[in-house]
Amino acid sequence: MAQPITIIKKEIPTVEEQAEQKLASLKMLLTENEDALNKIMDIVGELHQSGVLEAANAMLQTKEDIAKIALHQVNREPVTNFINNFLGASVAFTNFKPEQTTKLVSSVASGIDEGNKYVQSNKKVGILDLMKVLNDPDINRAIGFGIHFLKGMGKSLKEE
């Protein structure tokens, strides 16, 4: 009969053997990814020649100073006002239907085109011209929209 196993010898590689294993696996990675490594080296070379690599290195060396400057700039009143206004506007825009916003923006662009055409014509608008254009359905629609827009805005201003 065979002797029972009473001792298990676990082979623990030495530091040198571990280093050799890591070096061998690194060699395999290098040979398998030679094209990619060559491209990376080309990119790094271009970055070095253009000075971008040096600039990035300098930025990393002074990252604390850059962070202080950035925080100082962000904490300025105009920037905080911009952020607050942007957040307020984004909340307001969530109440709008996307179709309405798209239609309104395209209408504004069309109105700007028509306005530019008029400005280039150098014509004067008289009082009788104003009375006549009220019969134009497009102008009547825009004026009606403007009047009701102002009415709604006035109601909202009163509520605050």
N, C-alpha and C. Protein backbone atom coordinates (compact mmCIF):
# COMPACT_ATOMS: atom_id res chain seq x y z
N MET A 1 0.81 -1.17 0.00
CA MET A 1 0.00 0.00 0.00
C MET A 1 0.86 1.25 0.00
N ALA A 2 0.28 2.27 -0.58
CA ALA A 2 1.03 3.52 -0.68
C ALA A 2 0.95 4.29 0.61
N GLN A 3 1.96 5.05 0.80
CA GLN A 3 2.02 5.89 2.00
C GLN A 3 1.08 7.08 1.84
N PRO A 4 0.33 7.46 2.83
CA PRO A 4 -0.52 8.66 2.74
C PRO A 4 0.35 9.92 2.69
N ILE A 5 -0.17 10.91 1.96
CA ILE A 5 0.54 12.19 1.85
C ILE A 5 0.29 12.97 3.12
N THR A 6 1.36 13.36 3.74
CA THR A 6 1.22 14.10 4.99
C THR A 6 1.76 15.51 4.88
N ILE A 7 2.62 15.73 3.91
CA ILE A 7 3.22 17.06 3.75
C ILE A 7 3.03 17.51 2.30
N ILE A 8 2.51 18.72 2.13
CA ILE A 8 2.38 19.31 0.80
C ILE A 8 3.41 20.42 0.70
N LYS A 9 4.27 20.27 -0.30
CA LYS A 9 5.31 21.29 -0.49
C LYS A 9 4.81 22.28 -1.54
N LYS A 10 4.64 23.49 -1.13
CA LYS A 10 4.19 24.55 -2.03
C LYS A 10 5.41 25.32 -2.47
N GLU A 11 5.57 25.38 -3.79
CA GLU A 11 6.74 26.09 -4.32
C GLU A 11 6.39 27.57 -4.45
N ILE A 12 7.09 28.36 -3.73
CA ILE A 12 6.93 29.81 -3.78
C ILE A 12 8.09 30.37 -4.58
N PRO A 13 7.77 31.04 -5.71
CA PRO A 13 8.88 31.55 -6.53
C PRO A 13 9.63 32.67 -5.80
N THR A 14 10.90 32.71 -6.07
CA THR A 14 11.72 33.75 -5.46
C THR A 14 11.43 35.08 -6.15
N VAL A 15 11.98 36.13 -5.61
CA VAL A 15 11.78 37.46 -6.18
C VAL A 15 12.35 37.50 -7.60
N GLU A 16 13.48 36.87 -7.80
CA GLU A 16 14.10 36.84 -9.13
C GLU A 16 13.23 36.08 -10.12
N GLU A 17 12.64 34.95 -9.67
CA GLU A 17 11.77 34.17 -10.55
C GLU A 17 10.50 34.94 -10.90
N GLN A 18 9.96 35.67 -9.93
CA GLN A 18 8.78 36.49 -10.20
C GLN A 18 9.12 37.58 -11.22
N ALA A 19 10.28 38.19 -11.07
CA ALA A 19 10.70 39.23 -12.01
C ALA A 19 10.87 38.64 -13.40
N GLU A 20 11.42 37.42 -13.51
CA GLU A 20 11.58 36.78 -14.81
C GLU A 20 10.23 36.48 -15.45
N GLN A 21 9.26 36.03 -14.64
CA GLN A 21 7.92 35.75 -15.16
C GLN A 21 7.26 37.02 -15.67
N LYS A 22 7.39 38.10 -14.93
CA LYS A 22 6.81 39.37 -15.36
C LYS A 22 7.48 39.86 -16.64
N LEU A 23 8.80 39.71 -16.73
CA LEU A 23 9.54 40.14 -17.90
C LEU A 23 9.12 39.32 -19.13
N ALA A 24 8.92 38.02 -18.93
CA ALA A 24 8.50 37.15 -20.03
C ALA A 24 7.11 37.54 -20.52
N SER A 25 6.18 37.82 -19.58
CA SER A 25 4.83 38.20 -20.00
C SER A 25 4.84 39.58 -20.68
N LEU A 26 5.72 40.46 -20.23
CA LEU A 26 5.84 41.77 -20.87
C LEU A 26 6.38 41.63 -22.28
N LYS A 27 7.34 40.75 -22.49
CA LYS A 27 7.88 40.50 -23.83
C LYS A 27 6.79 39.98 -24.75
N MET A 28 5.94 39.10 -24.23
CA MET A 28 4.84 38.57 -25.04
C MET A 28 3.88 39.68 -25.44
N LEU A 29 3.54 40.56 -24.49
CA LEU A 29 2.65 41.69 -24.81
C LEU A 29 3.27 42.60 -25.86
N LEU A 30 4.57 42.85 -25.75
CA LEU A 30 5.25 43.71 -26.71
C LEU A 30 5.21 43.11 -28.11
N THR A 31 5.46 41.81 -28.21
CA THR A 31 5.46 41.20 -29.54
C THR A 31 4.05 41.10 -30.12
N GLU A 32 3.04 40.88 -29.27
CA GLU A 32 1.67 40.77 -29.75
C GLU A 32 1.10 42.12 -30.18
N ASN A 33 1.57 43.21 -29.58
CA ASN A 33 1.00 44.54 -29.85
C ASN A 33 2.03 45.49 -30.46
N GLU A 34 2.88 44.96 -31.31
CA GLU A 34 3.95 45.78 -31.88
C GLU A 34 3.42 46.97 -32.68
N ASP A 35 2.41 46.75 -33.52
CA ASP A 35 1.86 47.84 -34.34
C ASP A 35 1.27 48.94 -33.48
N ALA A 36 0.50 48.55 -32.47
CA ALA A 36 -0.11 49.54 -31.59
C ALA A 36 0.96 50.33 -30.84
N LEU A 37 1.98 49.65 -30.38
CA LEU A 37 3.07 50.34 -29.66
C LEU A 37 3.80 51.31 -30.57
N ASN A 38 4.02 50.91 -31.82
CA ASN A 38 4.68 51.82 -32.77
C ASN A 38 3.84 53.07 -32.99
N LYS A 39 2.53 52.91 -33.09
CA LYS A 39 1.65 54.07 -33.28
C LYS A 39 1.68 54.97 -32.05
N ILE A 40 1.67 54.36 -30.88
CA ILE A 40 1.73 55.16 -29.64
C ILE A 40 3.04 55.94 -29.59
N MET A 41 4.11 55.30 -29.96
CA MET A 41 5.42 55.97 -29.94
C MET A 41 5.44 57.12 -30.96
N ASP A 42 4.82 56.92 -32.12
CA ASP A 42 4.73 58.00 -33.12
C ASP A 42 3.95 59.18 -32.56
N ILE A 43 2.84 58.89 -31.89
CA ILE A 43 2.01 59.95 -31.32
C ILE A 43 2.79 60.71 -30.25
N VAL A 44 3.45 59.98 -29.39
CA VAL A 44 4.24 60.63 -28.33
C VAL A 44 5.36 61.47 -28.94
N GLY A 45 5.98 60.96 -30.00
CA GLY A 45 7.02 61.73 -30.69
C GLY A 45 6.48 63.04 -31.25
N GLU A 46 5.31 62.98 -31.88
CA GLU A 46 4.68 64.19 -32.42
C GLU A 46 4.34 65.18 -31.31
N LEU A 47 3.80 64.67 -30.21
CA LEU A 47 3.47 65.53 -29.08
C LEU A 47 4.72 66.20 -28.53
N HIS A 48 5.81 65.45 -28.50
CA HIS A 48 7.08 66.02 -27.99
C HIS A 48 7.60 67.09 -28.94
N GLN A 49 7.57 66.82 -30.24
CA GLN A 49 8.08 67.78 -31.22
C GLN A 49 7.26 69.07 -31.23
N SER A 50 5.95 68.95 -31.02
CA SER A 50 5.10 70.15 -31.06
C SER A 50 5.10 70.90 -29.73
N GLY A 51 5.69 70.33 -28.70
CA GLY A 51 5.76 71.01 -27.41
C GLY A 51 4.58 70.73 -26.50
N VAL A 52 3.62 69.98 -26.98
CA VAL A 52 2.43 69.69 -26.18
C VAL A 52 2.80 68.81 -24.98
N LEU A 53 3.69 67.87 -25.21
CA LEU A 53 4.10 66.97 -24.13
C LEU A 53 4.77 67.74 -23.00
N GLU A 54 5.61 68.69 -23.37
CA GLU A 54 6.29 69.51 -22.36
C GLU A 54 5.29 70.39 -21.61
N ALA A 55 4.31 70.94 -22.34
CA ALA A 55 3.29 71.77 -21.70
C ALA A 55 2.44 70.94 -20.74
N ALA A 56 2.09 69.73 -21.15
CA ALA A 56 1.30 68.86 -20.28
C ALA A 56 2.09 68.48 -19.03
N ASN A 57 3.37 68.23 -19.21
CA ASN A 57 4.22 67.90 -18.08
C ASN A 57 4.31 69.08 -17.11
N ALA A 58 4.46 70.28 -17.66
CA ALA A 58 4.53 71.48 -16.81
C ALA A 58 3.21 71.67 -16.06
N MET A 59 2.10 71.41 -16.74
CA MET A 59 0.80 71.54 -16.07
C MET A 59 0.67 70.54 -14.93
N LEU A 60 1.15 69.33 -15.14
CA LEU A 60 1.10 68.33 -14.08
C LEU A 60 1.98 68.71 -12.89
N GLN A 61 3.10 69.36 -13.18
CA GLN A 61 4.00 69.77 -12.10
C GLN A 61 3.37 70.88 -11.26
N THR A 62 2.55 71.73 -11.88
CA THR A 62 1.96 72.87 -11.17
C THR A 62 0.46 72.70 -11.00
N LYS A 63 -0.02 71.48 -10.89
CA LYS A 63 -1.45 71.21 -10.84
C LYS A 63 -2.14 71.90 -9.67
N GLU A 64 -1.47 72.03 -8.53
CA GLU A 64 -2.09 72.69 -7.38
C GLU A 64 -2.30 74.17 -7.65
N ASP A 65 -1.31 74.82 -8.25
CA ASP A 65 -1.46 76.24 -8.59
C ASP A 65 -2.57 76.44 -9.61
N ILE A 66 -2.62 75.57 -10.61
CA ILE A 66 -3.67 75.68 -11.64
C ILE A 66 -5.05 75.47 -11.01
N ALA A 67 -5.15 74.52 -10.09
CA ALA A 67 -6.43 74.28 -9.43
C ALA A 67 -6.86 75.49 -8.61
N LYS A 68 -5.92 76.14 -7.94
CA LYS A 68 -6.25 77.34 -7.16
C LYS A 68 -6.75 78.45 -8.07
N ILE A 69 -6.07 78.64 -9.20
CA ILE A 69 -6.48 79.69 -10.15
C ILE A 69 -7.87 79.38 -10.70
N ALA A 70 -8.10 78.11 -11.08
CA ALA A 70 -9.40 77.73 -11.63
C ALA A 70 -10.51 77.94 -10.61
N LEU A 71 -10.26 77.55 -9.37
CA LEU A 71 -11.28 77.75 -8.33
C LEU A 71 -11.55 79.22 -8.09
N HIS A 72 -10.50 80.02 -8.13
CA HIS A 72 -10.68 81.47 -7.95
C HIS A 72 -11.53 82.04 -9.08
N GLN A 73 -11.27 81.61 -10.31
CA GLN A 73 -12.03 82.11 -11.45
C GLN A 73 -13.49 81.67 -11.38
N VAL A 74 -13.73 80.44 -10.96
CA VAL A 74 -15.10 79.93 -10.88
C VAL A 74 -15.88 80.63 -9.78
N ASN A 75 -15.20 81.04 -8.73
CA ASN A 75 -15.89 81.68 -7.60
C ASN A 75 -16.16 83.17 -7.82
N ARG A 76 -15.72 83.73 -8.95
CA ARG A 76 -16.01 85.13 -9.25
C ARG A 76 -17.50 85.31 -9.48
N GLU A 77 -18.01 86.49 -9.12
CA GLU A 77 -19.45 86.75 -9.21
C GLU A 77 -20.01 86.58 -10.62
N PRO A 78 -19.35 87.08 -11.68
CA PRO A 78 -19.94 86.87 -13.01
C PRO A 78 -20.09 85.40 -13.38
N VAL A 79 -19.13 84.57 -12.96
CA VAL A 79 -19.21 83.15 -13.29
C VAL A 79 -20.33 82.48 -12.49
N THR A 80 -20.42 82.80 -11.20
CA THR A 80 -21.50 82.20 -10.41
C THR A 80 -22.87 82.69 -10.90
N ASN A 81 -22.95 83.95 -11.32
CA ASN A 81 -24.21 84.44 -11.90
C ASN A 81 -24.57 83.66 -13.16
N PHE A 82 -23.56 83.43 -14.00
CA PHE A 82 -23.79 82.67 -15.24
C PHE A 82 -24.29 81.27 -14.91
N ILE A 83 -23.65 80.61 -13.95
CA ILE A 83 -24.05 79.25 -13.59
C ILE A 83 -25.48 79.24 -13.05
N ASN A 84 -25.79 80.20 -12.17
CA ASN A 84 -27.15 80.27 -11.61
C ASN A 84 -28.18 80.56 -12.69
N ASN A 85 -27.85 81.48 -13.60
CA ASN A 85 -28.78 81.79 -14.70
C ASN A 85 -28.96 80.59 -15.62
N PHE A 86 -27.86 79.90 -15.90
CA PHE A 86 -27.95 78.72 -16.76
C PHE A 86 -28.82 77.65 -16.12
N LEU A 87 -28.64 77.41 -14.82
CA LEU A 87 -29.45 76.41 -14.14
C LEU A 87 -30.92 76.83 -14.11
N GLY A 88 -31.18 78.12 -13.86
CA GLY A 88 -32.56 78.60 -13.86
C GLY A 88 -33.20 78.47 -15.23
N ALA A 89 -32.44 78.80 -16.28
CA ALA A 89 -32.97 78.69 -17.64
C ALA A 89 -33.21 77.23 -18.00
N SER A 90 -32.31 76.35 -17.57
CA SER A 90 -32.49 74.93 -17.91
C SER A 90 -33.73 74.37 -17.21
N VAL A 91 -34.02 74.83 -15.99
CA VAL A 91 -35.25 74.40 -15.31
C VAL A 91 -36.47 74.93 -16.07
N ALA A 92 -36.38 76.18 -16.52
CA ALA A 92 -37.50 76.75 -17.27
C ALA A 92 -37.71 76.01 -18.59
N PHE A 93 -36.63 75.63 -19.25
CA PHE A 93 -36.75 74.94 -20.53
C PHE A 93 -37.34 73.54 -20.37
N THR A 94 -37.26 72.97 -19.19
CA THR A 94 -37.87 71.65 -19.01
C THR A 94 -39.38 71.73 -19.06
N ASN A 95 -39.94 72.92 -18.85
CA ASN A 95 -41.39 73.09 -18.92
C ASN A 95 -41.89 73.24 -20.35
N PHE A 96 -40.99 73.53 -21.28
CA PHE A 96 -41.39 73.74 -22.68
C PHE A 96 -41.45 72.40 -23.40
N LYS A 97 -42.37 72.33 -24.34
CA LYS A 97 -42.43 71.15 -25.19
C LYS A 97 -41.39 71.34 -26.30
N PRO A 98 -40.62 70.31 -26.62
CA PRO A 98 -39.56 70.45 -27.63
C PRO A 98 -40.08 70.92 -28.98
N GLU A 99 -41.27 70.49 -29.35
CA GLU A 99 -41.81 70.91 -30.65
C GLU A 99 -42.05 72.42 -30.68
N GLN A 100 -42.55 72.95 -29.54
CA GLN A 100 -42.81 74.39 -29.46
C GLN A 100 -41.50 75.17 -29.54
N THR A 101 -40.51 74.71 -28.84
CA THR A 101 -39.22 75.40 -28.85
C THR A 101 -38.62 75.39 -30.25
N THR A 102 -38.67 74.24 -30.91
CA THR A 102 -38.12 74.13 -32.27
C THR A 102 -38.85 75.06 -33.22
N LYS A 103 -40.18 75.09 -33.11
CA LYS A 103 -40.98 75.95 -33.99
C LYS A 103 -40.67 77.42 -33.72
N LEU A 104 -40.55 77.79 -32.44
CA LEU A 104 -40.27 79.18 -32.08
C LEU A 104 -38.89 79.61 -32.58
N VAL A 105 -37.90 78.76 -32.42
CA VAL A 105 -36.54 79.10 -32.86
C VAL A 105 -36.49 79.23 -34.37
N SER A 106 -37.14 78.33 -35.09
CA SER A 106 -37.12 78.44 -36.55
C SER A 106 -37.90 79.67 -37.01
N SER A 107 -38.96 80.03 -36.28
CA SER A 107 -39.72 81.24 -36.62
C SER A 107 -38.86 82.49 -36.39
N VAL A 108 -38.10 82.49 -35.31
CA VAL A 108 -37.22 83.63 -35.04
C VAL A 108 -36.17 83.75 -36.14
N ALA A 109 -35.60 82.63 -36.58
CA ALA A 109 -34.60 82.65 -37.64
C ALA A 109 -35.21 83.18 -38.94
N SER A 110 -36.42 82.75 -39.24
CA SER A 110 -37.10 83.24 -40.44
C SER A 110 -37.38 84.73 -40.33
N GLY A 111 -37.79 85.17 -39.13
CA GLY A 111 -38.04 86.60 -38.92
C GLY A 111 -36.78 87.43 -39.07
N ILE A 112 -35.66 86.92 -38.61
CA ILE A 112 -34.39 87.63 -38.75
C ILE A 112 -34.03 87.78 -40.22
N ASP A 113 -34.27 86.73 -41.01
CA ASP A 113 -33.99 86.81 -42.45
C ASP A 113 -34.84 87.89 -43.11
N GLU A 114 -36.13 87.89 -42.79
CA GLU A 114 -37.03 88.90 -43.37
C GLU A 114 -36.63 90.30 -42.91
N GLY A 115 -36.27 90.43 -41.64
CA GLY A 115 -35.85 91.73 -41.13
C GLY A 115 -34.59 92.23 -41.82
N ASN A 116 -33.65 91.35 -42.07
CA ASN A 116 -32.42 91.75 -42.77
C ASN A 116 -32.72 92.20 -44.19
N LYS A 117 -33.65 91.52 -44.85
CA LYS A 117 -34.04 91.94 -46.20
C LYS A 117 -34.62 93.36 -46.18
N TYR A 118 -35.45 93.64 -45.16
CA TYR A 118 -36.05 94.97 -45.07
C TYR A 118 -34.98 96.02 -44.80
N VAL A 119 -34.07 95.74 -43.92
CA VAL A 119 -33.03 96.72 -43.57
C VAL A 119 -32.19 97.06 -44.80
N GLN A 120 -31.94 96.09 -45.65
CA GLN A 120 -31.14 96.34 -46.84
C GLN A 120 -31.90 97.14 -47.89
N SER A 121 -33.22 97.16 -47.82
CA SER A 121 -34.02 97.88 -48.82
C SER A 121 -34.06 99.39 -48.57
N ASN A 122 -33.75 99.83 -47.34
CA ASN A 122 -33.76 101.25 -46.98
C ASN A 122 -35.13 101.91 -47.17
N LYS A 123 -36.22 101.18 -47.05
CA LYS A 123 -37.56 101.75 -47.17
C LYS A 123 -38.01 102.26 -45.81
N LYS A 124 -38.92 103.21 -45.82
CA LYS A 124 -39.52 103.74 -44.59
C LYS A 124 -40.89 103.13 -44.40
N VAL A 125 -41.26 102.91 -43.13
CA VAL A 125 -42.58 102.40 -42.81
C VAL A 125 -43.42 103.57 -42.30
N GLY A 126 -44.55 103.79 -42.95
CA GLY A 126 -45.45 104.86 -42.53
C GLY A 126 -46.60 104.30 -41.72
N ILE A 127 -47.41 105.20 -41.18
CA ILE A 127 -48.55 104.80 -40.36
C ILE A 127 -49.57 104.02 -41.19
N LEU A 128 -49.80 104.46 -42.41
CA LEU A 128 -50.74 103.74 -43.27
C LEU A 128 -50.22 102.35 -43.59
N ASP A 129 -48.89 102.23 -43.74
CA ASP A 129 -48.31 100.90 -43.98
C ASP A 129 -48.59 99.97 -42.80
N LEU A 130 -48.50 100.51 -41.58
CA LEU A 130 -48.78 99.70 -40.39
C LEU A 130 -50.24 99.24 -40.39
N MET A 131 -51.14 100.11 -40.76
CA MET A 131 -52.56 99.76 -40.77
C MET A 131 -52.82 98.66 -41.82
N LYS A 132 -52.15 98.76 -42.98
CA LYS A 132 -52.36 97.78 -44.04
C LYS A 132 -51.81 96.41 -43.65
N VAL A 133 -50.64 96.38 -43.02
CA VAL A 133 -50.02 95.09 -42.73
C VAL A 133 -50.76 94.31 -41.65
N LEU A 134 -51.61 94.98 -40.88
CA LEU A 134 -52.40 94.25 -39.88
C LEU A 134 -53.34 93.25 -40.55
N ASN A 135 -53.67 93.47 -41.82
CA ASN A 135 -54.52 92.53 -42.56
C ASN A 135 -53.74 91.32 -43.06
N ASP A 136 -52.42 91.42 -43.05
CA ASP A 136 -51.58 90.30 -43.47
C ASP A 136 -51.66 89.22 -42.38
N PRO A 137 -52.11 88.00 -42.74
CA PRO A 137 -52.29 86.97 -41.71
C PRO A 137 -51.00 86.61 -40.96
N ASP A 138 -49.86 86.64 -41.64
CA ASP A 138 -48.60 86.31 -40.98
C ASP A 138 -48.24 87.35 -39.92
N ILE A 139 -48.38 88.62 -40.29
CA ILE A 139 -48.07 89.70 -39.35
C ILE A 139 -49.08 89.71 -38.21
N ASN A 140 -50.34 89.50 -38.54
CA ASN A 140 -51.38 89.47 -37.51
C ASN A 140 -51.11 88.34 -36.52
N ARG A 141 -50.68 87.19 -37.04
CA ARG A 141 -50.37 86.05 -36.17
C ARG A 141 -49.20 86.39 -35.24
N ALA A 142 -48.16 87.03 -35.78
CA ALA A 142 -46.98 87.37 -34.98
C ALA A 142 -47.32 88.43 -33.94
N ILE A 143 -48.11 89.41 -34.31
CA ILE A 143 -48.50 90.45 -33.35
C ILE A 143 -49.38 89.85 -32.25
N GLY A 144 -50.32 88.99 -32.64
CA GLY A 144 -51.17 88.32 -31.65
C GLY A 144 -50.33 87.48 -30.70
N PHE A 145 -49.36 86.76 -31.25
CA PHE A 145 -48.47 85.97 -30.40
C PHE A 145 -47.72 86.87 -29.43
N GLY A 146 -47.19 87.98 -29.94
CA GLY A 146 -46.43 88.91 -29.09
C GLY A 146 -47.29 89.51 -27.98
N ILE A 147 -48.52 89.88 -28.32
CA ILE A 147 -49.42 90.47 -27.33
C ILE A 147 -49.74 89.45 -26.24
N HIS A 148 -50.07 88.23 -26.63
CA HIS A 148 -50.41 87.21 -25.64
C HIS A 148 -49.18 86.74 -24.86
N PHE A 149 -48.04 86.76 -25.51
CA PHE A 149 -46.79 86.45 -24.80
C PHE A 149 -46.56 87.48 -23.70
N LEU A 150 -46.71 88.76 -24.04
CA LEU A 150 -46.52 89.82 -23.04
C LEU A 150 -47.57 89.73 -21.93
N LYS A 151 -48.80 89.34 -22.28
CA LYS A 151 -49.85 89.20 -21.27
C LYS A 151 -49.49 88.08 -20.29
N GLY A 152 -49.07 86.95 -20.81
CA GLY A 152 -48.67 85.83 -19.95
C GLY A 152 -47.47 86.19 -19.09
N MET A 153 -46.53 86.90 -19.67
CA MET A 153 -45.35 87.32 -18.92
C MET A 153 -45.75 88.28 -17.80
N GLY A 154 -46.66 89.19 -18.10
CA GLY A 154 -47.12 90.14 -17.09
C GLY A 154 -47.84 89.44 -15.94
N LYS A 155 -48.66 88.44 -16.26
CA LYS A 155 -49.35 87.68 -15.21
C LYS A 155 -48.33 86.99 -14.31
N SER A 156 -47.34 86.40 -14.93
CA SER A 156 -46.32 85.68 -14.16
C SER A 156 -45.51 86.62 -13.28
N LEU A 157 -45.24 87.81 -13.80
CA LEU A 157 -44.48 88.79 -13.00
C LEU A 157 -45.30 89.26 -11.81
N LYS A 158 -46.61 89.37 -11.97
CA LYS A 158 -47.48 89.81 -10.88
C LYS A 158 -47.53 88.78 -9.77
N GLU A 159 -47.52 87.48 -10.15
CA GLU A 159 -47.61 86.40 -9.17
C GLU A 159 -46.39 86.35 -8.25
N GLU A 160 -45.25 86.76 -8.73
CA GLU A 160 -44.05 86.71 -7.90
C GLU A 160 -44.09 87.82 -6.89
